[in-house]
Amino acid sequence: MLLEYILIFKYFFFCLFLALLLFFVSFILIYQNSNAEKISVYECGFSPFGDSRSRFEIRFYIVAILFMIFDLEIVFLFPWVLTLDVMSDFGFFSMLFFLFILTLGFIYEWFKGALDWE
């Protein structure tokens, strides 16, 4: 049992080392070309307008919430798919129920117009 934990820690530190190595090597090897336009605050393609503390439309927040909901669905689906062969019927049908409720929510927001962008 202790050997398994040691292997997990070795794998974790190897991945951490590899990620840091790739980060620093890319930082050293890539030519850094910065100018005033590139490092400006507004890099989104249009000139700034108004105050940065002005109100945004509610559609931005609705789209962000919908993205989070459907992005978190993947967090539940990925381990479920990996353990399908050893899962009981209860686990299988409970995930199908979850997907059914999620689909109903998606249809509801579609008919309410939350996905329409005018």
N, C-alpha and C. Protein backbone atom coordinates (compact mmCIF):
# COMPACT_ATOMS: atom_id res chain seq x y z
N MET A 1 0.83 -1.19 0.00
CA MET A 1 0.00 0.00 0.00
C MET A 1 0.88 1.26 0.00
N LEU A 2 1.94 1.25 0.78
CA LEU A 2 2.82 2.40 0.84
C LEU A 2 3.53 2.61 -0.49
N LEU A 3 3.83 1.52 -1.18
CA LEU A 3 4.49 1.61 -2.47
C LEU A 3 3.60 2.32 -3.49
N GLU A 4 2.29 2.09 -3.42
CA GLU A 4 1.37 2.76 -4.33
C GLU A 4 1.38 4.27 -4.10
N TYR A 5 1.39 4.69 -2.84
CA TYR A 5 1.43 6.12 -2.54
C TYR A 5 2.76 6.75 -2.98
N ILE A 6 3.82 6.01 -2.83
CA ILE A 6 5.13 6.52 -3.28
C ILE A 6 5.12 6.71 -4.79
N LEU A 7 4.54 5.77 -5.52
CA LEU A 7 4.45 5.90 -6.97
C LEU A 7 3.58 7.08 -7.38
N ILE A 8 2.50 7.31 -6.64
CA ILE A 8 1.63 8.45 -6.94
C ILE A 8 2.38 9.75 -6.71
N PHE A 9 3.13 9.85 -5.61
CA PHE A 9 3.90 11.06 -5.34
C PHE A 9 5.01 11.25 -6.38
N LYS A 10 5.65 10.16 -6.80
CA LYS A 10 6.66 10.27 -7.85
C LYS A 10 6.05 10.79 -9.14
N TYR A 11 4.90 10.27 -9.49
CA TYR A 11 4.21 10.71 -10.69
C TYR A 11 3.82 12.18 -10.58
N PHE A 12 3.31 12.59 -9.42
CA PHE A 12 2.92 13.99 -9.21
C PHE A 12 4.12 14.92 -9.35
N PHE A 13 5.23 14.58 -8.72
CA PHE A 13 6.41 15.44 -8.79
C PHE A 13 7.03 15.43 -10.18
N PHE A 14 6.96 14.31 -10.88
CA PHE A 14 7.44 14.27 -12.26
C PHE A 14 6.61 15.20 -13.14
N CYS A 15 5.29 15.17 -12.99
CA CYS A 15 4.41 16.04 -13.78
C CYS A 15 4.65 17.50 -13.42
N LEU A 16 4.83 17.80 -12.14
CA LEU A 16 5.11 19.17 -11.72
C LEU A 16 6.44 19.65 -12.30
N PHE A 17 7.45 18.81 -12.23
CA PHE A 17 8.76 19.15 -12.78
C PHE A 17 8.68 19.37 -14.28
N LEU A 18 7.97 18.51 -14.99
CA LEU A 18 7.84 18.63 -16.44
C LEU A 18 7.09 19.90 -16.82
N ALA A 19 6.03 20.24 -16.10
CA ALA A 19 5.28 21.45 -16.39
C ALA A 19 6.13 22.70 -16.17
N LEU A 20 6.86 22.73 -15.05
CA LEU A 20 7.72 23.88 -14.78
C LEU A 20 8.86 23.98 -15.79
N LEU A 21 9.42 22.85 -16.17
CA LEU A 21 10.48 22.83 -17.16
C LEU A 21 10.00 23.38 -18.50
N LEU A 22 8.85 22.91 -18.95
CA LEU A 22 8.32 23.39 -20.22
C LEU A 22 7.97 24.87 -20.16
N PHE A 23 7.47 25.33 -19.03
CA PHE A 23 7.15 26.75 -18.88
C PHE A 23 8.40 27.61 -18.99
N PHE A 24 9.43 27.24 -18.25
CA PHE A 24 10.63 28.07 -18.27
C PHE A 24 11.41 27.96 -19.58
N VAL A 25 11.42 26.80 -20.19
CA VAL A 25 12.11 26.66 -21.48
C VAL A 25 11.40 27.48 -22.54
N SER A 26 10.08 27.46 -22.56
CA SER A 26 9.36 28.27 -23.54
C SER A 26 9.55 29.76 -23.27
N PHE A 27 9.64 30.15 -22.02
CA PHE A 27 9.86 31.55 -21.68
C PHE A 27 11.24 32.02 -22.13
N ILE A 28 12.23 31.14 -22.04
CA ILE A 28 13.60 31.51 -22.41
C ILE A 28 13.78 31.49 -23.93
N LEU A 29 13.21 30.52 -24.61
CA LEU A 29 13.46 30.34 -26.04
C LEU A 29 12.63 31.25 -26.94
N ILE A 30 11.46 31.67 -26.51
CA ILE A 30 10.58 32.45 -27.37
C ILE A 30 10.96 33.92 -27.29
N TYR A 31 11.02 34.55 -28.46
CA TYR A 31 11.36 35.96 -28.56
C TYR A 31 10.21 36.79 -27.99
N GLN A 32 10.52 37.65 -27.04
CA GLN A 32 9.53 38.51 -26.40
C GLN A 32 9.50 39.85 -27.11
N ASN A 33 8.46 40.08 -27.89
CA ASN A 33 8.32 41.33 -28.62
C ASN A 33 7.15 42.10 -28.02
N SER A 34 7.44 43.10 -27.22
CA SER A 34 6.37 43.87 -26.60
C SER A 34 6.47 45.31 -27.04
N ASN A 35 5.31 45.86 -27.34
CA ASN A 35 5.22 47.27 -27.68
C ASN A 35 4.04 47.87 -26.90
N ALA A 36 3.84 49.17 -27.07
CA ALA A 36 2.80 49.85 -26.30
C ALA A 36 1.41 49.33 -26.64
N GLU A 37 1.18 48.99 -27.89
CA GLU A 37 -0.13 48.49 -28.30
C GLU A 37 -0.41 47.11 -27.71
N LYS A 38 0.61 46.29 -27.68
CA LYS A 38 0.42 44.91 -27.22
C LYS A 38 0.21 44.82 -25.71
N ILE A 39 0.86 45.67 -24.95
CA ILE A 39 0.73 45.60 -23.50
C ILE A 39 -0.31 46.57 -22.95
N SER A 40 -1.14 47.13 -23.84
CA SER A 40 -2.18 48.03 -23.37
C SER A 40 -3.27 47.24 -22.64
N VAL A 41 -4.07 47.95 -21.88
CA VAL A 41 -5.11 47.30 -21.07
C VAL A 41 -6.17 46.68 -21.94
N TYR A 42 -6.55 47.34 -23.02
CA TYR A 42 -7.64 46.86 -23.87
C TYR A 42 -7.05 46.16 -25.08
N GLU A 43 -7.11 44.85 -25.06
CA GLU A 43 -6.55 44.05 -26.13
C GLU A 43 -7.65 43.26 -26.83
N CYS A 44 -8.89 43.72 -26.72
CA CYS A 44 -10.01 42.94 -27.23
C CYS A 44 -10.43 43.33 -28.63
N GLY A 45 -9.81 44.32 -29.24
CA GLY A 45 -10.11 44.63 -30.62
C GLY A 45 -10.90 45.89 -30.84
N PHE A 46 -11.45 46.49 -29.81
CA PHE A 46 -12.15 47.75 -30.00
C PHE A 46 -11.71 48.75 -28.94
N SER A 47 -11.90 50.00 -29.25
CA SER A 47 -11.47 51.06 -28.35
C SER A 47 -12.29 51.04 -27.07
N PRO A 48 -11.69 51.41 -25.94
CA PRO A 48 -12.44 51.42 -24.69
C PRO A 48 -13.54 52.48 -24.72
N PHE A 49 -14.63 52.16 -24.08
CA PHE A 49 -15.74 53.09 -24.03
C PHE A 49 -16.26 53.16 -22.60
N GLY A 50 -16.52 54.32 -22.13
CA GLY A 50 -17.14 54.50 -20.82
C GLY A 50 -16.23 54.11 -19.67
N ASP A 51 -16.84 54.04 -18.52
CA ASP A 51 -16.15 53.70 -17.29
C ASP A 51 -16.08 52.18 -17.15
N SER A 52 -15.03 51.68 -16.56
CA SER A 52 -14.89 50.23 -16.39
C SER A 52 -15.85 49.70 -15.33
N ARG A 53 -16.43 50.56 -14.53
CA ARG A 53 -17.38 50.12 -13.50
C ARG A 53 -18.83 50.27 -13.95
N SER A 54 -19.05 50.46 -15.23
CA SER A 54 -20.42 50.58 -15.72
C SER A 54 -21.10 49.21 -15.69
N ARG A 55 -22.42 49.24 -15.78
CA ARG A 55 -23.19 48.00 -15.71
C ARG A 55 -23.11 47.24 -17.03
N PHE A 56 -23.03 45.92 -16.91
CA PHE A 56 -23.07 45.05 -18.07
C PHE A 56 -24.48 44.50 -18.20
N GLU A 57 -24.79 44.07 -19.40
CA GLU A 57 -26.09 43.45 -19.60
C GLU A 57 -26.13 42.11 -18.89
N ILE A 58 -27.33 41.71 -18.51
CA ILE A 58 -27.51 40.47 -17.77
C ILE A 58 -27.16 39.26 -18.62
N ARG A 59 -27.18 39.42 -19.95
CA ARG A 59 -26.88 38.29 -20.83
C ARG A 59 -25.47 37.75 -20.64
N PHE A 60 -24.53 38.64 -20.32
CA PHE A 60 -23.16 38.19 -20.07
C PHE A 60 -23.12 37.22 -18.89
N TYR A 61 -23.84 37.56 -17.84
CA TYR A 61 -23.84 36.73 -16.65
C TYR A 61 -24.60 35.42 -16.88
N ILE A 62 -25.68 35.48 -17.65
CA ILE A 62 -26.44 34.27 -17.94
C ILE A 62 -25.59 33.30 -18.75
N VAL A 63 -24.90 33.82 -19.75
CA VAL A 63 -24.03 32.95 -20.56
C VAL A 63 -22.92 32.36 -19.70
N ALA A 64 -22.36 33.15 -18.78
CA ALA A 64 -21.30 32.64 -17.90
C ALA A 64 -21.83 31.54 -16.99
N ILE A 65 -23.02 31.72 -16.44
CA ILE A 65 -23.60 30.69 -15.57
C ILE A 65 -23.92 29.43 -16.35
N LEU A 66 -24.46 29.59 -17.55
CA LEU A 66 -24.76 28.42 -18.38
C LEU A 66 -23.49 27.68 -18.76
N PHE A 67 -22.44 28.43 -19.05
CA PHE A 67 -21.17 27.78 -19.36
C PHE A 67 -20.67 26.97 -18.17
N MET A 68 -20.77 27.54 -16.97
CA MET A 68 -20.31 26.82 -15.78
C MET A 68 -21.12 25.55 -15.54
N ILE A 69 -22.43 25.63 -15.74
CA ILE A 69 -23.27 24.45 -15.54
C ILE A 69 -22.89 23.34 -16.50
N PHE A 70 -22.77 23.67 -17.77
CA PHE A 70 -22.49 22.63 -18.76
C PHE A 70 -21.02 22.24 -18.77
N ASP A 71 -20.16 23.06 -18.23
CA ASP A 71 -18.77 22.68 -18.08
C ASP A 71 -18.60 21.72 -16.91
N LEU A 72 -19.34 21.95 -15.84
CA LEU A 72 -19.27 21.04 -14.69
C LEU A 72 -19.90 19.68 -15.00
N GLU A 73 -20.75 19.63 -15.99
CA GLU A 73 -21.31 18.35 -16.40
C GLU A 73 -20.19 17.40 -16.84
N ILE A 74 -19.18 17.92 -17.50
CA ILE A 74 -18.06 17.10 -17.95
C ILE A 74 -17.30 16.53 -16.76
N VAL A 75 -17.22 17.31 -15.68
CA VAL A 75 -16.52 16.83 -14.48
C VAL A 75 -17.22 15.60 -13.92
N PHE A 76 -18.53 15.54 -14.04
CA PHE A 76 -19.26 14.36 -13.57
C PHE A 76 -19.24 13.23 -14.59
N LEU A 77 -19.25 13.57 -15.86
CA LEU A 77 -19.31 12.53 -16.88
C LEU A 77 -18.01 11.77 -17.06
N PHE A 78 -16.89 12.44 -16.94
CA PHE A 78 -15.61 11.79 -17.22
C PHE A 78 -15.33 10.60 -16.29
N PRO A 79 -15.43 10.74 -14.96
CA PRO A 79 -15.20 9.55 -14.13
C PRO A 79 -16.30 8.50 -14.28
N TRP A 80 -17.50 8.94 -14.61
CA TRP A 80 -18.59 7.99 -14.81
C TRP A 80 -18.31 7.09 -16.00
N VAL A 81 -17.81 7.67 -17.08
CA VAL A 81 -17.50 6.89 -18.27
C VAL A 81 -16.34 5.93 -18.00
N LEU A 82 -15.38 6.37 -17.21
CA LEU A 82 -14.22 5.52 -16.94
C LEU A 82 -14.56 4.32 -16.06
N THR A 83 -15.62 4.42 -15.27
CA THR A 83 -15.97 3.32 -14.36
C THR A 83 -17.25 2.60 -14.77
N LEU A 84 -17.65 2.72 -16.01
CA LEU A 84 -18.89 2.09 -16.45
C LEU A 84 -18.84 0.57 -16.34
N ASP A 85 -17.69 -0.03 -16.56
CA ASP A 85 -17.62 -1.49 -16.55
C ASP A 85 -17.75 -2.09 -15.15
N VAL A 86 -17.46 -1.35 -14.11
CA VAL A 86 -17.56 -1.88 -12.75
C VAL A 86 -18.71 -1.23 -11.97
N MET A 87 -19.51 -0.44 -12.63
CA MET A 87 -20.57 0.30 -11.96
C MET A 87 -21.83 -0.54 -11.83
N SER A 88 -22.55 -0.32 -10.75
CA SER A 88 -23.82 -1.02 -10.56
C SER A 88 -24.91 -0.32 -11.38
N ASP A 89 -26.06 -0.95 -11.41
CA ASP A 89 -27.19 -0.36 -12.15
C ASP A 89 -27.64 0.95 -11.52
N PHE A 90 -27.54 1.07 -10.21
CA PHE A 90 -27.94 2.31 -9.54
C PHE A 90 -27.08 3.49 -10.00
N GLY A 91 -25.78 3.29 -10.10
CA GLY A 91 -24.90 4.36 -10.56
C GLY A 91 -25.16 4.74 -12.01
N PHE A 92 -25.45 3.73 -12.82
CA PHE A 92 -25.74 3.99 -14.23
C PHE A 92 -27.02 4.80 -14.40
N PHE A 93 -28.09 4.37 -13.74
CA PHE A 93 -29.38 5.04 -13.91
C PHE A 93 -29.44 6.38 -13.17
N SER A 94 -28.67 6.54 -12.11
CA SER A 94 -28.64 7.85 -11.46
C SER A 94 -27.96 8.88 -12.36
N MET A 95 -26.93 8.49 -13.10
CA MET A 95 -26.30 9.42 -14.03
C MET A 95 -27.22 9.70 -15.21
N LEU A 96 -27.96 8.70 -15.67
CA LEU A 96 -28.93 8.95 -16.73
C LEU A 96 -30.01 9.92 -16.26
N PHE A 97 -30.43 9.81 -15.00
CA PHE A 97 -31.40 10.75 -14.44
C PHE A 97 -30.80 12.16 -14.39
N PHE A 98 -29.54 12.27 -13.99
CA PHE A 98 -28.85 13.56 -13.96
C PHE A 98 -28.80 14.16 -15.36
N LEU A 99 -28.48 13.36 -16.36
CA LEU A 99 -28.42 13.87 -17.73
C LEU A 99 -29.81 14.26 -18.23
N PHE A 100 -30.83 13.53 -17.81
CA PHE A 100 -32.20 13.86 -18.19
C PHE A 100 -32.61 15.21 -17.61
N ILE A 101 -32.31 15.46 -16.33
CA ILE A 101 -32.62 16.74 -15.70
C ILE A 101 -31.83 17.86 -16.38
N LEU A 102 -30.58 17.61 -16.70
CA LEU A 102 -29.75 18.60 -17.38
C LEU A 102 -30.31 18.92 -18.77
N THR A 103 -30.79 17.92 -19.47
CA THR A 103 -31.39 18.13 -20.79
C THR A 103 -32.68 18.93 -20.68
N LEU A 104 -33.49 18.64 -19.67
CA LEU A 104 -34.70 19.43 -19.46
C LEU A 104 -34.36 20.89 -19.17
N GLY A 105 -33.33 21.14 -18.38
CA GLY A 105 -32.90 22.50 -18.11
C GLY A 105 -32.42 23.20 -19.36
N PHE A 106 -31.71 22.47 -20.21
CA PHE A 106 -31.23 23.05 -21.46
C PHE A 106 -32.40 23.41 -22.38
N ILE A 107 -33.40 22.54 -22.48
CA ILE A 107 -34.58 22.82 -23.30
C ILE A 107 -35.35 24.01 -22.74
N TYR A 108 -35.46 24.10 -21.43
CA TYR A 108 -36.15 25.22 -20.79
C TYR A 108 -35.47 26.54 -21.11
N GLU A 109 -34.15 26.60 -20.98
CA GLU A 109 -33.46 27.86 -21.25
C GLU A 109 -33.47 28.18 -22.74
N TRP A 110 -33.52 27.17 -23.58
CA TRP A 110 -33.61 27.41 -25.01
C TRP A 110 -34.94 28.08 -25.35
N PHE A 111 -36.05 27.55 -24.78
CA PHE A 111 -37.35 28.13 -25.06
C PHE A 111 -37.53 29.50 -24.40
N LYS A 112 -36.88 29.74 -23.30
CA LYS A 112 -36.96 31.05 -22.65
C LYS A 112 -36.11 32.10 -23.36
N GLY A 113 -35.25 31.69 -24.28
CA GLY A 113 -34.46 32.64 -25.05
C GLY A 113 -33.15 33.02 -24.41
N ALA A 114 -32.68 32.24 -23.45
CA ALA A 114 -31.42 32.58 -22.79
C ALA A 114 -30.23 32.39 -23.71
N LEU A 115 -30.38 31.60 -24.76
CA LEU A 115 -29.27 31.35 -25.68
C LEU A 115 -29.29 32.28 -26.88
N ASP A 116 -30.33 33.10 -27.00
CA ASP A 116 -30.43 34.04 -28.13
C ASP A 116 -29.57 35.26 -27.84
N TRP A 117 -28.81 35.66 -28.84
CA TRP A 117 -27.98 36.86 -28.70
C TRP A 117 -28.42 37.84 -29.78
N GLU A 118 -28.94 38.95 -29.36
CA GLU A 118 -29.52 39.91 -30.31
C GLU A 118 -28.51 40.92 -30.76
